[in-house]
Amino acid sequence: MERKMSLERAVEAFAGFMVLLSVVLTYFVHPGFVWLTVFVGVNLFQQAFTGFCPAAIVLRKACGFKPCAQLSTR
């Protein structure tokens, strides 16, 4: 049985990756990369209230991810 990743899970995975990446960059490259973590957090916060997520738009159009409702549940 093939399981496909939904758009929502892809956004969560991408956000988690970006937070971890920004922590690594902050530690090893420059402290200013902490602002990447802030940016990701602010985007997640505003998405919870508005439903607008730029990462979801990119992942849907560029990578072909579909929302949970559109995935078949055979």
C-alpha atoms as a PDB file:
ATOM      1  CA  MET A   1       0.000   0.000   0.000  1.00  0.00           C
ATOM      2  CA  GLU A   2       1.474   3.293  -1.098  1.00  0.00           C
ATOM      3  CA  ARG A   3       1.081   6.228   1.261  1.00  0.00           C
ATOM      4  CA  LYS A   4       1.457   9.692  -0.143  1.00  0.00           C
ATOM      5  CA  MET A   5       2.442  12.651   1.957  1.00  0.00           C
ATOM      6  CA  SER A   6      -0.263  15.288   2.205  1.00  0.00           C
ATOM      7  CA  LEU A   7       0.349  18.970   1.679  1.00  0.00           C
ATOM      8  CA  GLU A   8      -0.238  19.644   5.373  1.00  0.00           C
ATOM      9  CA  ARG A   9       2.372  17.105   6.447  1.00  0.00           C
ATOM     10  CA  ALA A  10       4.810  18.394   3.841  1.00  0.00           C
ATOM     11  CA  VAL A  11       4.443  21.927   5.231  1.00  0.00           C
ATOM     12  CA  GLU A  12       5.017  20.655   8.780  1.00  0.00           C
ATOM     13  CA  ALA A  13       8.092  18.690   7.666  1.00  0.00           C
ATOM     14  CA  PHE A  14       9.446  21.675   5.747  1.00  0.00           C
ATOM     15  CA  ALA A  15       8.916  24.021   8.713  1.00  0.00           C
ATOM     16  CA  GLY A  16      10.631  21.583  11.062  1.00  0.00           C
ATOM     17  CA  PHE A  17      13.551  21.220   8.677  1.00  0.00           C
ATOM     18  CA  MET A  18      13.885  24.996   8.341  1.00  0.00           C
ATOM     19  CA  VAL A  19      13.915  25.468  12.124  1.00  0.00           C
ATOM     20  CA  LEU A  20      16.607  22.803  12.550  1.00  0.00           C
ATOM     21  CA  LEU A  21      18.612  24.255   9.666  1.00  0.00           C
ATOM     22  CA  SER A  22      18.442  27.747  11.145  1.00  0.00           C
ATOM     23  CA  VAL A  23      19.632  26.473  14.528  1.00  0.00           C
ATOM     24  CA  VAL A  24      22.616  24.775  12.885  1.00  0.00           C
ATOM     25  CA  LEU A  25      23.401  27.876  10.823  1.00  0.00           C
ATOM     26  CA  THR A  26      23.067  30.088  13.900  1.00  0.00           C
ATOM     27  CA  TYR A  27      25.493  27.927  15.858  1.00  0.00           C
ATOM     28  CA  PHE A  28      28.090  27.258  13.165  1.00  0.00           C
ATOM     29  CA  VAL A  29      27.876  30.212  10.754  1.00  0.00           C
ATOM     30  CA  HIS A  30      26.445  33.418  12.220  1.00  0.00           C
ATOM     31  CA  PRO A  31      24.118  34.380  15.087  1.00  0.00           C
ATOM     32  CA  GLY A  32      21.981  36.409  12.656  1.00  0.00           C
ATOM     33  CA  PHE A  33      20.491  33.186  11.292  1.00  0.00           C
ATOM     34  CA  VAL A  34      18.298  33.111  14.399  1.00  0.00           C
ATOM     35  CA  TRP A  35      16.031  35.445  12.423  1.00  0.00           C
ATOM     36  CA  LEU A  36      15.274  32.589  10.046  1.00  0.00           C
ATOM     37  CA  THR A  37      13.796  30.718  13.013  1.00  0.00           C
ATOM     38  CA  VAL A  38      11.755  33.794  13.902  1.00  0.00           C
ATOM     39  CA  PHE A  39      10.532  34.099  10.309  1.00  0.00           C
ATOM     40  CA  VAL A  40       9.413  30.458  10.201  1.00  0.00           C
ATOM     41  CA  GLY A  41       7.654  30.805  13.556  1.00  0.00           C
ATOM     42  CA  VAL A  42       5.831  33.972  12.525  1.00  0.00           C
ATOM     43  CA  ASN A  43       4.700  32.337   9.278  1.00  0.00           C
ATOM     44  CA  LEU A  44       3.378  29.290  11.155  1.00  0.00           C
ATOM     45  CA  PHE A  45       1.576  31.541  13.647  1.00  0.00           C
ATOM     46  CA  GLN A  46      -0.100  33.713  11.015  1.00  0.00           C
ATOM     47  CA  GLN A  47      -1.025  30.637   8.955  1.00  0.00           C
ATOM     48  CA  ALA A  48      -2.931  29.224  11.913  1.00  0.00           C
ATOM     49  CA  PHE A  49      -5.199  32.271  11.888  1.00  0.00           C
ATOM     50  CA  THR A  50      -5.371  33.254   8.225  1.00  0.00           C
ATOM     51  CA  GLY A  51      -4.900  29.960   6.397  1.00  0.00           C
ATOM     52  CA  PHE A  52      -2.385  31.636   4.066  1.00  0.00           C
ATOM     53  CA  CYS A  53       0.919  29.771   3.790  1.00  0.00           C
ATOM     54  CA  PRO A  54       3.480  30.680   1.126  1.00  0.00           C
ATOM     55  CA  ALA A  55       5.299  27.362   1.628  1.00  0.00           C
ATOM     56  CA  ALA A  56       2.082  25.435   0.932  1.00  0.00           C
ATOM     57  CA  ILE A  57       1.616  27.302  -2.332  1.00  0.00           C
ATOM     58  CA  VAL A  58       5.162  26.477  -3.444  1.00  0.00           C
ATOM     59  CA  LEU A  59       4.950  22.831  -2.340  1.00  0.00           C
ATOM     60  CA  ARG A  60       1.615  22.376  -4.105  1.00  0.00           C
ATOM     61  CA  LYS A  61       2.675  23.969  -7.390  1.00  0.00           C
ATOM     62  CA  ALA A  62       6.320  22.902  -7.600  1.00  0.00           C
ATOM     63  CA  CYS A  63       6.216  19.478  -5.954  1.00  0.00           C
ATOM     64  CA  GLY A  64       2.650  18.377  -6.587  1.00  0.00           C
ATOM     65  CA  PHE A  65       1.576  17.768  -2.984  1.00  0.00           C
ATOM     66  CA  LYS A  66      -2.178  17.550  -2.462  1.00  0.00           C
ATOM     67  CA  PRO A  67      -4.247  18.423   0.624  1.00  0.00           C
ATOM     68  CA  CYS A  68      -5.447  15.561   2.858  1.00  0.00           C
ATOM     69  CA  ALA A  69      -8.978  15.888   1.476  1.00  0.00           C
ATOM     70  CA  GLN A  70      -7.786  15.201  -2.084  1.00  0.00           C
ATOM     71  CA  LEU A  71      -5.750  12.080  -1.306  1.00  0.00           C
ATOM     72  CA  SER A  72      -7.531   8.812  -1.962  1.00  0.00           C
ATOM     73  CA  THR A  73      -8.101   6.558   1.037  1.00  0.00           C
ATOM     74  CA  ARG A  74      -8.318   3.193  -0.695  1.00  0.00           C
END
